[in-house]
Protein backbone atom coordinates (compact mmCIF):
# COMPACT_ATOMS: atom_id res chain seq x y z
CA UNK A 1 -15.86 11.09 -25.98
CA UNK A 2 -16.08 14.54 -25.56
CA UNK A 3 -14.74 17.51 -23.31
CA UNK A 4 -17.84 17.19 -22.01
CA UNK A 5 -17.78 13.69 -20.69
CA UNK A 6 -14.22 13.74 -19.92
CA UNK A 7 -14.67 16.73 -17.65
CA UNK A 8 -17.88 14.77 -15.83
CA UNK A 9 -16.07 11.89 -15.20
CA UNK A 10 -12.99 13.48 -13.80
CA UNK A 11 -15.39 16.04 -11.99
CA UNK A 12 -17.43 12.76 -10.42
CA UNK A 13 -13.76 10.78 -9.74
CA UNK A 14 -12.45 13.23 -7.58
CA UNK A 15 -15.96 13.52 -5.78
CA UNK A 16 -15.46 10.06 -4.97
CA UNK A 17 -11.78 10.67 -3.70
CA UNK A 18 -13.20 13.21 -1.34
CA UNK A 19 -15.61 11.00 -0.08
CA UNK A 20 -13.35 7.90 0.25
CA UNK A 21 -11.19 10.03 2.34
CA UNK A 22 -14.09 11.09 4.18
CA UNK A 23 -14.69 7.67 4.77
CA UNK A 24 -11.10 6.77 5.79
CA UNK A 25 -10.85 9.95 8.36
CA UNK A 26 -14.39 8.36 10.12
CA UNK A 27 -12.46 5.59 10.64
CA UNK A 28 -9.61 7.44 11.99
CA UNK A 29 -11.92 9.30 14.28
CA UNK A 30 -14.09 6.55 15.48
CA UNK A 31 -11.25 3.94 15.93
CA UNK A 32 -8.76 6.23 17.33
CA UNK A 33 -11.17 7.30 20.15
CA UNK A 34 -10.96 3.36 21.81
CA UNK A 35 -7.20 3.12 21.51
CA UNK A 36 -5.36 3.81 24.55
CA UNK A 37 -1.86 2.69 23.95
CA UNK A 38 0.82 5.37 21.77
CA UNK A 39 1.88 2.68 19.54
CA UNK A 40 -1.39 1.89 17.68
CA UNK A 41 -2.31 5.24 17.57
CA UNK A 42 0.80 5.23 15.60
CA UNK A 43 0.71 2.75 13.49
CA UNK A 44 -3.54 3.39 12.90
CA UNK A 45 -2.54 7.29 11.63
CA UNK A 46 -0.49 5.51 8.97
CA UNK A 47 -2.98 5.39 6.33
CA UNK A 48 -3.83 9.49 7.64
CA UNK A 49 -1.21 9.78 4.39
CA UNK A 50 -3.70 8.19 2.13
CA UNK A 51 -6.93 9.94 3.42
CA UNK A 52 -4.48 13.42 2.64
CA UNK A 53 -3.83 12.68 -0.81
CA UNK A 54 -7.40 11.85 -1.86
CA UNK A 55 -8.34 15.09 -0.06
CA UNK A 56 -6.38 17.14 -1.34
CA UNK A 57 -6.85 15.53 -5.21
CA UNK A 58 -10.90 15.31 -3.90
CA UNK A 59 -10.90 18.78 -2.55
CA UNK A 60 -9.05 20.78 -5.73
CA UNK A 61 -10.47 18.41 -7.86
CA UNK A 62 -14.27 18.85 -7.56
CA UNK A 63 -13.67 22.06 -7.66
CA UNK A 64 -11.69 22.75 -10.56
CA UNK A 65 -13.70 20.54 -12.77
CA UNK A 66 -16.86 21.75 -11.48
CA UNK A 67 -16.43 25.15 -12.08
CA UNK A 68 -14.30 24.24 -15.95
CA UNK A 69 -17.95 22.21 -16.40
CA UNK A 70 -20.22 24.90 -15.58
CA UNK A 71 -17.91 27.19 -18.17
CA UNK A 72 -17.96 24.49 -20.68
CA UNK A 73 -21.83 23.78 -20.67
CA UNK A 74 -24.16 26.31 -22.16
CA UNK A 75 -27.12 25.60 -19.90
CA UNK A 76 -25.29 26.55 -16.74
CA UNK A 77 -23.69 29.94 -15.30
CA UNK A 78 -21.22 30.20 -12.68
CA UNK A 79 -23.90 32.37 -10.88
CA UNK A 80 -26.35 29.92 -11.06
CA UNK A 81 -27.58 29.87 -7.85
CA UNK A 82 -26.78 25.76 -7.11
CA UNK A 83 -23.53 26.45 -8.53
CA UNK A 84 -22.88 29.55 -5.83
CA UNK A 85 -24.21 27.31 -2.73
CA UNK A 86 -22.20 24.23 -4.18
CA UNK A 87 -18.77 26.43 -3.78
CA UNK A 88 -20.00 28.23 -0.56
CA UNK A 89 -20.65 24.77 0.69
CA UNK A 90 -17.41 23.43 -0.26
CA UNK A 91 -15.71 26.56 1.07
CA UNK A 92 -16.91 25.66 4.63
CA UNK A 93 -16.07 22.01 4.27
CA UNK A 94 -12.45 23.34 3.67
CA UNK A 95 -12.28 25.67 6.15
CA UNK A 96 -13.88 22.85 8.82
CA UNK A 97 -11.67 20.17 7.62
CA UNK A 98 -8.54 22.50 8.08
CA UNK A 99 -9.77 22.95 11.66
CA UNK A 100 -9.72 18.97 12.19
CA UNK A 101 -6.18 18.04 11.32
CA UNK A 102 -4.70 20.78 13.93
CA UNK A 103 -6.80 18.88 16.28
CA UNK A 104 -6.26 15.10 15.29
CA UNK A 105 -2.48 15.14 13.46
CA UNK A 106 -0.85 16.56 17.10
CA UNK A 107 -2.60 13.72 18.63
CA UNK A 108 -0.15 11.28 16.05
CA UNK A 109 2.39 13.17 16.78
CA UNK A 110 2.11 13.01 20.22
CA UNK A 111 1.60 9.09 19.99
CA UNK A 112 4.82 8.97 17.96
CA UNK A 113 6.19 11.28 20.96
CA UNK A 114 5.82 8.87 23.26
CA UNK A 115 6.72 5.52 21.12
CA UNK A 116 10.42 7.00 20.31
CA UNK A 117 10.43 8.01 24.08
CA UNK A 118 9.56 4.42 25.39
CA UNK A 119 6.25 5.12 26.75
CA UNK A 120 4.18 3.06 25.19
CA UNK A 121 1.79 2.50 27.86
CA UNK A 122 -1.79 4.70 28.08
CA UNK A 123 -1.42 8.17 27.99
CA UNK A 124 -4.25 10.50 29.50
CA UNK A 125 -3.23 13.42 27.68
CA UNK A 126 -3.46 11.23 24.32
CA UNK A 127 -6.72 9.73 25.09
CA UNK A 128 -8.12 13.33 25.68
CA UNK A 129 -6.71 14.52 22.32
CA UNK A 130 -8.07 11.24 20.67
CA UNK A 131 -11.59 11.50 22.07
CA UNK A 132 -11.77 15.22 21.26
CA UNK A 133 -15.39 15.92 21.01
CA UNK A 134 -15.02 19.38 19.23
CA UNK A 135 -13.04 17.43 16.33
CA UNK A 136 -15.71 14.85 16.45
CA UNK A 137 -18.69 17.79 15.90
CA UNK A 138 -16.15 19.20 13.36
CA UNK A 139 -16.01 15.62 11.10
CA UNK A 140 -19.58 15.42 11.69
CA UNK A 141 -20.39 18.44 10.13
CA UNK A 142 -17.48 18.00 7.66
CA UNK A 143 -19.73 14.98 6.31
CA UNK A 144 -23.31 17.11 6.81
CA UNK A 145 -20.97 19.45 4.55
CA UNK A 146 -20.52 17.12 2.22
CA UNK A 147 -23.98 15.22 1.62
CA UNK A 148 -25.19 18.82 1.02
CA UNK A 149 -22.85 19.29 -1.48
CA UNK A 150 -23.93 15.79 -2.92
CA UNK A 151 -27.60 16.86 -2.80
CA UNK A 152 -27.26 19.55 -4.11
CA UNK A 153 -24.54 18.37 -7.48
CA UNK A 154 -27.48 15.84 -7.92
CA UNK A 155 -30.29 17.23 -7.95
CA UNK A 156 -28.95 21.15 -8.74
CA UNK A 157 -32.03 22.96 -7.80
CA UNK A 158 -33.39 26.07 -9.17
CA UNK A 159 -31.60 24.85 -12.16
């Protein structure tokens, strides 16, 4: 296999990790909206560590291997419009994604605190945190940005 083949494989594999993380976080966000008991929230959010790892690997890998591919392949330049668009979409994805964590991880931490206090019954504050409309809208925005990134990578408009 050539260097190009390896770079393309790693770029696609890390994109798969990114999309997998999005699917996992979609499950957490939508599933969390139906939970009332703090111990259930804690149990469900245990898988968020997997999502964090996939998101980190996917986000960094997509960018690094994508830029490396753009440098390696003679037909592409870093200043091609579709590559610049991908970098801008990636930046927006990261900025919005970090805001989502600041909304939902305090809910996870609050659920842990309630369980530690022995208060494992429905809690209005926790319920409000899990049903955040802002968090849901931000998540929908990251999914849309990820789809736009995939479309940009597949069709390479202007290339």
